[in-house]
C-alpha cells in the first residue's frame, strides 16, 4: 500500500467495492508483516457489516491493503 493509508482511504475503497457489486473483501498484508496484521490476512469479510477494526490500518506503521473478492457470492 505504501506510505501509511488512513481509515478514511479504506472506507472509500470499501464503498467502491460495494458500488461495483462486490460483497466481500480480504486484508492483504505484506510478506514481512507483524503478527497483528498476519492475524487479519486472507479473512473473507462482508463489506456490509465491516467495522473500523476489520480494515487497515491496524496500527501506526501498518502497510496492509485490501482486495475485493468479486467472484465470491
C-alpha atoms as a PDB file:
ATOM      1  CA  UNK A   1       0.000   0.000   0.000  1.00  0.00           C
ATOM      2  CA  UNK A   2       2.885   2.296   0.540  1.00  0.00           C
ATOM      3  CA  UNK A   3       3.030   5.255   2.856  1.00  0.00           C
ATOM      4  CA  UNK A   4       0.519   4.639   5.617  1.00  0.00           C
ATOM      5  CA  UNK A   5      -3.015   4.999   4.274  1.00  0.00           C
ATOM      6  CA  UNK A   6      -5.779   6.215   6.591  1.00  0.00           C
ATOM      7  CA  UNK A   7      -9.055   4.661   7.726  1.00  0.00           C
ATOM      8  CA  UNK A   8     -10.952   7.132   5.507  1.00  0.00           C
ATOM      9  CA  UNK A   9      -8.954   5.943   2.475  1.00  0.00           C
ATOM     10  CA  UNK A  10     -10.014   2.354   3.127  1.00  0.00           C
ATOM     11  CA  UNK A  11     -13.628   3.358   3.866  1.00  0.00           C
ATOM     12  CA  UNK A  12     -13.741   4.927   0.384  1.00  0.00           C
ATOM     13  CA  UNK A  13     -12.132   1.848  -1.117  1.00  0.00           C
ATOM     14  CA  UNK A  14     -14.737  -0.426   0.506  1.00  0.00           C
ATOM     15  CA  UNK A  15     -17.503   1.841  -0.793  1.00  0.00           C
ATOM     16  CA  UNK A  16     -16.054   1.482  -4.304  1.00  0.00           C
ATOM     17  CA  UNK A  17     -16.011  -2.312  -3.887  1.00  0.00           C
ATOM     18  CA  UNK A  18     -19.663  -2.275  -2.770  1.00  0.00           C
ATOM     19  CA  UNK A  19     -20.698   0.113  -5.558  1.00  0.00           C
ATOM     20  CA  UNK A  20     -19.205  -2.271  -8.103  1.00  0.00           C
ATOM     21  CA  UNK A  21     -21.296  -5.133  -6.710  1.00  0.00           C
ATOM     22  CA  UNK A  22     -18.692  -6.845  -4.552  1.00  0.00           C
ATOM     23  CA  UNK A  23     -19.957  -8.253  -1.265  1.00  0.00           C
ATOM     24  CA  UNK A  24     -16.693  -9.325   0.379  1.00  0.00           C
ATOM     25  CA  UNK A  25     -13.111  -8.140   0.774  1.00  0.00           C
ATOM     26  CA  UNK A  26      -9.947  -9.503   2.319  1.00  0.00           C
ATOM     27  CA  UNK A  27      -6.951  -7.910   4.002  1.00  0.00           C
ATOM     28  CA  UNK A  28      -3.707  -8.345   2.112  1.00  0.00           C
ATOM     29  CA  UNK A  29      -0.673  -7.772   4.342  1.00  0.00           C
ATOM     30  CA  UNK A  30       2.909  -7.529   3.066  1.00  0.00           C
ATOM     31  CA  UNK A  31       5.060 -10.691   3.312  1.00  0.00           C
ATOM     32  CA  UNK A  32       7.055  -9.293   6.244  1.00  0.00           C
ATOM     33  CA  UNK A  33       4.044  -8.183   8.277  1.00  0.00           C
ATOM     34  CA  UNK A  34       3.658  -8.151  12.032  1.00  0.00           C
ATOM     35  CA  UNK A  35       1.620 -10.769  13.980  1.00  0.00           C
ATOM     36  CA  UNK A  36      -1.338  -8.370  14.326  1.00  0.00           C
ATOM     37  CA  UNK A  37      -1.626  -7.973  10.546  1.00  0.00           C
ATOM     38  CA  UNK A  38      -0.918 -11.630   9.888  1.00  0.00           C
ATOM     39  CA  UNK A  39      -3.940 -12.490  12.057  1.00  0.00           C
ATOM     40  CA  UNK A  40      -6.153 -10.476   9.661  1.00  0.00           C
ATOM     41  CA  UNK A  41      -4.644 -11.961   6.492  1.00  0.00           C
ATOM     42  CA  UNK A  42      -6.933 -13.587   3.932  1.00  0.00           C
ATOM     43  CA  UNK A  43     -10.107 -13.464   6.018  1.00  0.00           C
ATOM     44  CA  UNK A  44     -13.275 -13.126   3.949  1.00  0.00           C
ATOM     45  CA  UNK A  45     -15.103 -10.097   5.410  1.00  0.00           C
ATOM     46  CA  UNK A  46     -18.615  -8.996   4.442  1.00  0.00           C
ATOM     47  CA  UNK A  47     -18.477  -5.349   3.337  1.00  0.00           C
ATOM     48  CA  UNK A  48     -21.968  -4.553   4.628  1.00  0.00           C
ATOM     49  CA  UNK A  49     -21.074  -5.495   8.214  1.00  0.00           C
ATOM     50  CA  UNK A  50     -17.405  -4.420   8.292  1.00  0.00           C
ATOM     51  CA  UNK A  51     -16.377  -2.310  11.262  1.00  0.00           C
ATOM     52  CA  UNK A  52     -13.383   0.005  11.592  1.00  0.00           C
ATOM     53  CA  UNK A  53     -11.471  -2.885  13.179  1.00  0.00           C
ATOM     54  CA  UNK A  54     -11.889  -5.025  10.049  1.00  0.00           C
ATOM     55  CA  UNK A  55      -9.848  -2.874   7.663  1.00  0.00           C
ATOM     56  CA  UNK A  56      -6.406  -1.232   7.751  1.00  0.00           C
ATOM     57  CA  UNK A  57      -4.540   0.483   9.151  1.00  0.00           C
ATOM     58  CA  UNK A  58      -4.397  -1.753  12.211  1.00  0.00           C
ATOM     59  CA  UNK A  59      -1.540   0.158  13.828  1.00  0.00           C
ATOM     60  CA  UNK A  60       0.640   3.208  13.255  1.00  0.00           C
ATOM     61  CA  UNK A  61       3.006   1.693  10.678  1.00  0.00           C
ATOM     62  CA  UNK A  62       0.539  -0.680   9.016  1.00  0.00           C
ATOM     63  CA  UNK A  63       1.237  -1.466   5.349  1.00  0.00           C
ATOM     64  CA  UNK A  64      -1.745  -3.747   4.699  1.00  0.00           C
ATOM     65  CA  UNK A  65      -4.047  -3.344   1.725  1.00  0.00           C
ATOM     66  CA  UNK A  66      -7.487  -4.683   0.845  1.00  0.00           C
ATOM     67  CA  UNK A  67      -8.655  -6.721  -2.132  1.00  0.00           C
ATOM     68  CA  UNK A  68     -12.194  -7.191  -3.333  1.00  0.00           C
ATOM     69  CA  UNK A  69     -13.466 -10.735  -3.609  1.00  0.00           C
ATOM     70  CA  UNK A  70     -15.691 -10.171  -6.624  1.00  0.00           C
ATOM     71  CA  UNK A  71     -16.165 -13.845  -7.509  1.00  0.00           C
ATOM     72  CA  UNK A  72     -17.415 -14.849  -4.026  1.00  0.00           C
ATOM     73  CA  UNK A  73     -21.192 -14.978  -3.513  1.00  0.00           C
END
